[in-house]
Amino acid sequence: MNILKVKKIISFLLILIGAFLLISEIASTKKDYYLQAGGIICLMSGVFLINTKVTSRFPENAIDNPEKKDKE
């Protein structure tokens, strides 16, 4: 199996698990802050794994950098 496909599946599962944990803790009457923290960690890890594969829309030289203008 392709490694990129495995990473995509893992990141999707992490997002689903994190969302499920957070929604279930919101709905419960007794709050367990460890499950909430675990849900946030799973959710953010999944989003991070997806975000590392997304490329920038703009090339780096197209962005105006004020530091470069000050040096010139």
PDB file of N, CA and C in Angstrom:
ATOM      1  N   MET A   1       0.843  -1.179   0.000  1.00  0.00           N
ATOM      2  CA  MET A   1       0.000   0.000   0.000  1.00  0.00           C
ATOM      3  C   MET A   1       0.886   1.238   0.000  1.00  0.00           C
ATOM      4  N   ASN A   2       0.438   2.244  -0.684  1.00  0.00           N
ATOM      5  CA  ASN A   2       1.206   3.472  -0.818  1.00  0.00           C
ATOM      6  C   ASN A   2       1.271   4.215   0.523  1.00  0.00           C
ATOM      7  N   ILE A   3       2.452   4.745   0.830  1.00  0.00           N
ATOM      8  CA  ILE A   3       2.661   5.429   2.103  1.00  0.00           C
ATOM      9  C   ILE A   3       1.797   6.684   2.197  1.00  0.00           C
ATOM     10  N   LEU A   4       1.646   7.421   1.095  1.00  0.00           N
ATOM     11  CA  LEU A   4       0.818   8.625   1.123  1.00  0.00           C
ATOM     12  C   LEU A   4      -0.643   8.292   1.407  1.00  0.00           C
ATOM     13  N   LYS A   5      -1.104   7.169   0.882  1.00  0.00           N
ATOM     14  CA  LYS A   5      -2.481   6.756   1.127  1.00  0.00           C
ATOM     15  C   LYS A   5      -2.665   6.381   2.594  1.00  0.00           C
ATOM     16  N   VAL A   6      -1.668   5.736   3.186  1.00  0.00           N
ATOM     17  CA  VAL A   6      -1.730   5.356   4.602  1.00  0.00           C
ATOM     18  C   VAL A   6      -1.749   6.607   5.478  1.00  0.00           C
ATOM     19  N   LYS A   7      -0.911   7.608   5.156  1.00  0.00           N
ATOM     20  CA  LYS A   7      -0.893   8.852   5.919  1.00  0.00           C
ATOM     21  C   LYS A   7      -2.228   9.575   5.823  1.00  0.00           C
ATOM     22  N   LYS A   8      -2.835   9.549   4.639  1.00  0.00           N
ATOM     23  CA  LYS A   8      -4.119  10.203   4.459  1.00  0.00           C
ATOM     24  C   LYS A   8      -5.194   9.522   5.297  1.00  0.00           C
ATOM     25  N   ILE A   9      -5.160   8.193   5.333  1.00  0.00           N
ATOM     26  CA  ILE A   9      -6.140   7.439   6.124  1.00  0.00           C
ATOM     27  C   ILE A   9      -5.929   7.699   7.611  1.00  0.00           C
ATOM     28  N   ILE A  10      -4.673   7.709   8.053  1.00  0.00           N
ATOM     29  CA  ILE A  10      -4.373   7.954   9.466  1.00  0.00           C
ATOM     30  C   ILE A  10      -4.801   9.355   9.874  1.00  0.00           C
ATOM     31  N   SER A  11      -4.514  10.343   9.041  1.00  0.00           N
ATOM     32  CA  SER A  11      -4.905  11.710   9.392  1.00  0.00           C
ATOM     33  C   SER A  11      -6.418  11.853   9.428  1.00  0.00           C
ATOM     34  N   PHE A  12      -7.126  11.213   8.508  1.00  0.00           N
ATOM     35  CA  PHE A  12      -8.584  11.257   8.504  1.00  0.00           C
ATOM     36  C   PHE A  12      -9.156  10.586   9.756  1.00  0.00           C
ATOM     37  N   LEU A  13      -8.569   9.444  10.140  1.00  0.00           N
ATOM     38  CA  LEU A  13      -9.022   8.756  11.354  1.00  0.00           C
ATOM     39  C   LEU A  13      -8.745   9.578  12.607  1.00  0.00           C
ATOM     40  N   LEU A  14      -7.596  10.245  12.663  1.00  0.00           N
ATOM     41  CA  LEU A  14      -7.282  11.096  13.814  1.00  0.00           C
ATOM     42  C   LEU A  14      -8.283  12.239  13.942  1.00  0.00           C
ATOM     43  N   ILE A  15      -8.663  12.822  12.812  1.00  0.00           N
ATOM     44  CA  ILE A  15      -9.645  13.901  12.841  1.00  0.00           C
ATOM     45  C   ILE A  15     -10.988  13.380  13.314  1.00  0.00           C
ATOM     46  N   LEU A  16     -11.393  12.217  12.809  1.00  0.00           N
ATOM     47  CA  LEU A  16     -12.681  11.652  13.230  1.00  0.00           C
ATOM     48  C   LEU A  16     -12.690  11.286  14.710  1.00  0.00           C
ATOM     49  N   ILE A  17     -11.619  10.674  15.188  1.00  0.00           N
ATOM     50  CA  ILE A  17     -11.535  10.295  16.601  1.00  0.00           C
ATOM     51  C   ILE A  17     -11.547  11.535  17.480  1.00  0.00           C
ATOM     52  N   GLY A  18     -10.767  12.552  17.113  1.00  0.00           N
ATOM     53  CA  GLY A  18     -10.729  13.785  17.889  1.00  0.00           C
ATOM     54  C   GLY A  18     -12.070  14.493  17.920  1.00  0.00           C
ATOM     55  N   ALA A  19     -12.742  14.536  16.771  1.00  0.00           N
ATOM     56  CA  ALA A  19     -14.056  15.179  16.724  1.00  0.00           C
ATOM     57  C   ALA A  19     -15.071  14.401  17.560  1.00  0.00           C
ATOM     58  N   PHE A  20     -15.021  13.075  17.486  1.00  0.00           N
ATOM     59  CA  PHE A  20     -15.940  12.257  18.273  1.00  0.00           C
ATOM     60  C   PHE A  20     -15.724  12.460  19.770  1.00  0.00           C
ATOM     61  N   LEU A  21     -14.459  12.482  20.194  1.00  0.00           N
ATOM     62  CA  LEU A  21     -14.165  12.685  21.617  1.00  0.00           C
ATOM     63  C   LEU A  21     -14.648  14.047  22.098  1.00  0.00           C
ATOM     64  N   LEU A  22     -14.423  15.070  21.299  1.00  0.00           N
ATOM     65  CA  LEU A  22     -14.832  16.408  21.718  1.00  0.00           C
ATOM     66  C   LEU A  22     -16.351  16.554  21.744  1.00  0.00           C
ATOM     67  N   ILE A  23     -17.028  16.012  20.747  1.00  0.00           N
ATOM     68  CA  ILE A  23     -18.492  16.121  20.711  1.00  0.00           C
ATOM     69  C   ILE A  23     -19.114  15.322  21.847  1.00  0.00           C
ATOM     70  N   SER A  24     -18.564  14.145  22.122  1.00  0.00           N
ATOM     71  CA  SER A  24     -19.126  13.345  23.215  1.00  0.00           C
ATOM     72  C   SER A  24     -18.888  14.000  24.575  1.00  0.00           C
ATOM     73  N   GLU A  25     -17.777  14.688  24.736  1.00  0.00           N
ATOM     74  CA  GLU A  25     -17.517  15.379  26.001  1.00  0.00           C
ATOM     75  C   GLU A  25     -18.372  16.626  26.150  1.00  0.00           C
ATOM     76  N   ILE A  26     -18.695  17.277  25.052  1.00  0.00           N
ATOM     77  CA  ILE A  26     -19.583  18.433  25.125  1.00  0.00           C
ATOM     78  C   ILE A  26     -20.979  17.987  25.557  1.00  0.00           C
ATOM     79  N   ALA A  27     -21.410  16.841  25.062  1.00  0.00           N
ATOM     80  CA  ALA A  27     -22.762  16.357  25.343  1.00  0.00           C
ATOM     81  C   ALA A  27     -22.891  15.717  26.725  1.00  0.00           C
ATOM     82  N   SER A  28     -21.801  15.303  27.328  1.00  0.00           N
ATOM     83  CA  SER A  28     -21.894  14.599  28.606  1.00  0.00           C
ATOM     84  C   SER A  28     -22.093  15.578  29.758  1.00  0.00           C
ATOM     85  N   THR A  29     -22.704  15.077  30.827  1.00  0.00           N
ATOM     86  CA  THR A  29     -22.928  15.920  32.000  1.00  0.00           C
ATOM     87  C   THR A  29     -21.699  15.962  32.896  1.00  0.00           C
ATOM     88  N   LYS A  30     -20.977  14.841  32.998  1.00  0.00           N
ATOM     89  CA  LYS A  30     -19.753  14.799  33.780  1.00  0.00           C
ATOM     90  C   LYS A  30     -18.572  15.009  32.834  1.00  0.00           C
ATOM     91  N   LYS A  31     -17.823  16.045  33.067  1.00  0.00           N
ATOM     92  CA  LYS A  31     -16.722  16.409  32.174  1.00  0.00           C
ATOM     93  C   LYS A  31     -15.446  15.657  32.558  1.00  0.00           C
ATOM     94  N   ASP A  32     -14.806  15.084  31.557  1.00  0.00           N
ATOM     95  CA  ASP A  32     -13.509  14.445  31.741  1.00  0.00           C
ATOM     96  C   ASP A  32     -12.501  15.223  30.896  1.00  0.00           C
ATOM     97  N   TYR A  33     -11.676  16.011  31.547  1.00  0.00           N
ATOM     98  CA  TYR A  33     -10.785  16.913  30.839  1.00  0.00           C
ATOM     99  C   TYR A  33      -9.643  16.181  30.142  1.00  0.00           C
ATOM    100  N   TYR A  34      -9.336  14.977  30.574  1.00  0.00           N
ATOM    101  CA  TYR A  34      -8.315  14.197  29.888  1.00  0.00           C
ATOM    102  C   TYR A  34      -8.813  13.749  28.512  1.00  0.00           C
ATOM    103  N   LEU A  35     -10.079  13.382  28.417  1.00  0.00           N
ATOM    104  CA  LEU A  35     -10.638  13.018  27.112  1.00  0.00           C
ATOM    105  C   LEU A  35     -10.738  14.233  26.201  1.00  0.00           C
ATOM    106  N   GLN A  36     -11.055  15.379  26.758  1.00  0.00           N
ATOM    107  CA  GLN A  36     -11.094  16.593  25.955  1.00  0.00           C
ATOM    108  C   GLN A  36      -9.703  16.935  25.424  1.00  0.00           C
ATOM    109  N   ALA A  37      -8.709  16.817  26.269  1.00  0.00           N
ATOM    110  CA  ALA A  37      -7.337  17.089  25.835  1.00  0.00           C
ATOM    111  C   ALA A  37      -6.903  16.083  24.779  1.00  0.00           C
ATOM    112  N   GLY A  38      -7.264  14.815  24.961  1.00  0.00           N
ATOM    113  CA  GLY A  38      -6.943  13.799  23.960  1.00  0.00           C
ATOM    114  C   GLY A  38      -7.643  14.062  22.641  1.00  0.00           C
ATOM    115  N   GLY A  39      -8.882  14.525  22.706  1.00  0.00           N
ATOM    116  CA  GLY A  39      -9.611  14.866  21.493  1.00  0.00           C
ATOM    117  C   GLY A  39      -8.972  16.014  20.745  1.00  0.00           C
ATOM    118  N   ILE A  40      -8.542  17.028  21.476  1.00  0.00           N
ATOM    119  CA  ILE A  40      -7.880  18.168  20.836  1.00  0.00           C
ATOM    120  C   ILE A  40      -6.561  17.743  20.222  1.00  0.00           C
ATOM    121  N   ILE A  41      -5.813  16.900  20.923  1.00  0.00           N
ATOM    122  CA  ILE A  41      -4.521  16.431  20.405  1.00  0.00           C
ATOM    123  C   ILE A  41      -4.722  15.612  19.132  1.00  0.00           C
ATOM    124  N   CYS A  42      -5.716  14.700  19.134  1.00  0.00           N
ATOM    125  CA  CYS A  42      -5.993  13.894  17.939  1.00  0.00           C
ATOM    126  C   CYS A  42      -6.435  14.776  16.776  1.00  0.00           C
ATOM    127  N   LEU A  43      -7.316  15.714  17.056  1.00  0.00           N
ATOM    128  CA  LEU A  43      -7.829  16.588  16.009  1.00  0.00           C
ATOM    129  C   LEU A  43      -6.722  17.444  15.408  1.00  0.00           C
ATOM    130  N   MET A  44      -5.919  18.050  16.239  1.00  0.00           N
ATOM    131  CA  MET A  44      -4.852  18.913  15.740  1.00  0.00           C
ATOM    132  C   MET A  44      -3.745  18.121  15.041  1.00  0.00           C
ATOM    133  N   SER A  45      -3.482  16.899  15.495  1.00  0.00           N
ATOM    134  CA  SER A  45      -2.482  16.065  14.824  1.00  0.00           C
ATOM    135  C   SER A  45      -2.950  15.689  13.425  1.00  0.00           C
ATOM    136  N   GLY A  46      -4.226  15.348  13.293  1.00  0.00           N
ATOM    137  CA  GLY A  46      -4.763  15.021  11.978  1.00  0.00           C
ATOM    138  C   GLY A  46      -4.742  16.206  11.042  1.00  0.00           C
ATOM    139  N   VAL A  47      -5.103  17.369  11.543  1.00  0.00           N
ATOM    140  CA  VAL A  47      -5.077  18.578  10.710  1.00  0.00           C
ATOM    141  C   VAL A  47      -3.641  18.923  10.329  1.00  0.00           C
ATOM    142  N   PHE A  48      -2.703  18.741  11.244  1.00  0.00           N
ATOM    143  CA  PHE A  48      -1.300  19.011  10.945  1.00  0.00           C
ATOM    144  C   PHE A  48      -0.785  18.084   9.851  1.00  0.00           C
ATOM    145  N   LEU A  49      -1.139  16.796   9.921  1.00  0.00           N
ATOM    146  CA  LEU A  49      -0.684  15.862   8.895  1.00  0.00           C
ATOM    147  C   LEU A  49      -1.241  16.215   7.523  1.00  0.00           C
ATOM    148  N   ILE A  50      -2.472  16.691   7.484  1.00  0.00           N
ATOM    149  CA  ILE A  50      -3.039  17.109   6.204  1.00  0.00           C
ATOM    150  C   ILE A  50      -2.387  18.396   5.728  1.00  0.00           C
ATOM    151  N   ASN A  51      -2.134  19.316   6.641  1.00  0.00           N
ATOM    152  CA  ASN A  51      -1.590  20.617   6.282  1.00  0.00           C
ATOM    153  C   ASN A  51      -0.145  20.530   5.786  1.00  0.00           C
ATOM    154  N   THR A  52       0.604  19.528   6.208  1.00  0.00           N
ATOM    155  CA  THR A  52       1.993  19.419   5.757  1.00  0.00           C
ATOM    156  C   THR A  52       2.081  19.055   4.282  1.00  0.00           C
ATOM    157  N   LYS A  53       1.022  18.464   3.735  1.00  0.00           N
ATOM    158  CA  LYS A  53       1.027  18.086   2.330  1.00  0.00           C
ATOM    159  C   LYS A  53       0.506  19.183   1.412  1.00  0.00           C
ATOM    160  N   VAL A  54      -0.109  20.217   1.970  1.00  0.00           N
ATOM    161  CA  VAL A  54      -0.679  21.291   1.168  1.00  0.00           C
ATOM    162  C   VAL A  54       0.422  22.275   0.816  1.00  0.00           C
ATOM    163  N   THR A  55       0.516  22.610  -0.460  1.00  0.00           N
ATOM    164  CA  THR A  55       1.541  23.555  -0.894  1.00  0.00           C
ATOM    165  C   THR A  55       0.987  24.970  -0.840  1.00  0.00           C
ATOM    166  N   SER A  56       1.885  25.927  -0.846  1.00  0.00           N
ATOM    167  CA  SER A  56       1.495  27.323  -0.806  1.00  0.00           C
ATOM    168  C   SER A  56       0.893  27.737  -2.137  1.00  0.00           C
ATOM    169  N   ARG A  57      -0.065  28.649  -2.071  1.00  0.00           N
ATOM    170  CA  ARG A  57      -0.712  29.107  -3.291  1.00  0.00           C
ATOM    171  C   ARG A  57       0.178  30.092  -4.043  1.00  0.00           C
ATOM    172  N   PHE A  58       0.952  30.885  -3.328  1.00  0.00           N
ATOM    173  CA  PHE A  58       1.768  31.918  -3.933  1.00  0.00           C
ATOM    174  C   PHE A  58       3.248  31.552  -3.818  1.00  0.00           C
ATOM    175  N   PRO A  59       4.034  31.877  -4.823  1.00  0.00           N
ATOM    176  CA  PRO A  59       5.481  31.660  -4.681  1.00  0.00           C
ATOM    177  C   PRO A  59       6.060  32.643  -3.670  1.00  0.00           C
ATOM    178  N   GLU A  60       7.172  32.280  -3.070  1.00  0.00           N
ATOM    179  CA  GLU A  60       7.747  33.094  -1.993  1.00  0.00           C
ATOM    180  C   GLU A  60       8.169  34.483  -2.479  1.00  0.00           C
ATOM    181  N   ASN A  61       8.636  34.595  -3.693  1.00  0.00           N
ATOM    182  CA  ASN A  61       9.113  35.895  -4.159  1.00  0.00           C
ATOM    183  C   ASN A  61       7.967  36.837  -4.523  1.00  0.00           C
ATOM    184  N   ALA A  62       6.729  36.353  -4.609  1.00  0.00           N
ATOM    185  CA  ALA A  62       5.594  37.211  -4.944  1.00  0.00           C
ATOM    186  C   ALA A  62       5.072  37.960  -3.723  1.00  0.00           C
ATOM    187  N   ILE A  63       5.419  37.508  -2.533  1.00  0.00           N
ATOM    188  CA  ILE A  63       4.949  38.160  -1.309  1.00  0.00           C
ATOM    189  C   ILE A  63       5.856  39.342  -0.998  1.00  0.00           C
ATOM    190  N   ASP A  64       5.240  40.499  -0.755  1.00  0.00           N
ATOM    191  CA  ASP A  64       6.027  41.677  -0.409  1.00  0.00           C
ATOM    192  C   ASP A  64       6.578  41.524   0.992  1.00  0.00           C
ATOM    193  N   ASN A  65       7.882  41.603   1.095  1.00  0.00           N
ATOM    194  CA  ASN A  65       8.543  41.471   2.382  1.00  0.00           C
ATOM    195  C   ASN A  65       9.075  42.843   2.787  1.00  0.00           C
ATOM    196  N   PRO A  66       8.526  43.460   3.842  1.00  0.00           N
ATOM    197  CA  PRO A  66       8.990  44.800   4.222  1.00  0.00           C
ATOM    198  C   PRO A  66      10.447  44.836   4.667  1.00  0.00           C
ATOM    199  N   GLU A  67      10.984  43.740   5.171  1.00  0.00           N
ATOM    200  CA  GLU A  67      12.382  43.719   5.586  1.00  0.00           C
ATOM    201  C   GLU A  67      13.313  43.890   4.395  1.00  0.00           C
ATOM    202  N   LYS A  68      12.967  43.289   3.262  1.00  0.00           N
ATOM    203  CA  LYS A  68      13.798  43.424   2.072  1.00  0.00           C
ATOM    204  C   LYS A  68      13.749  44.850   1.529  1.00  0.00           C
ATOM    205  N   LYS A  69      12.578  45.503   1.629  1.00  0.00           N
ATOM    206  CA  LYS A  69      12.466  46.869   1.145  1.00  0.00           C
ATOM    207  C   LYS A  69      13.292  47.830   1.996  1.00  0.00           C
ATOM    208  N   ASP A  70      13.378  47.564   3.308  1.00  0.00           N
ATOM    209  CA  ASP A  70      14.159  48.436   4.193  1.00  0.00           C
ATOM    210  C   ASP A  70      15.648  48.333   3.896  1.00  0.00           C
ATOM    211  N   LYS A  71      16.112  47.159   3.499  1.00  0.00           N
ATOM    212  CA  LYS A  71      17.528  46.949   3.221  1.00  0.00           C
ATOM    213  C   LYS A  71      17.950  47.589   1.909  1.00  0.00           C
ATOM    214  N   GLU A  72      17.006  47.752   0.986  1.00  0.00           N
ATOM    215  CA  GLU A  72      17.350  48.307  -0.328  1.00  0.00           C
ATOM    216  C   GLU A  72      17.484  49.788  -0.338  1.00  0.00           C
TER     217      GLU A  72
END
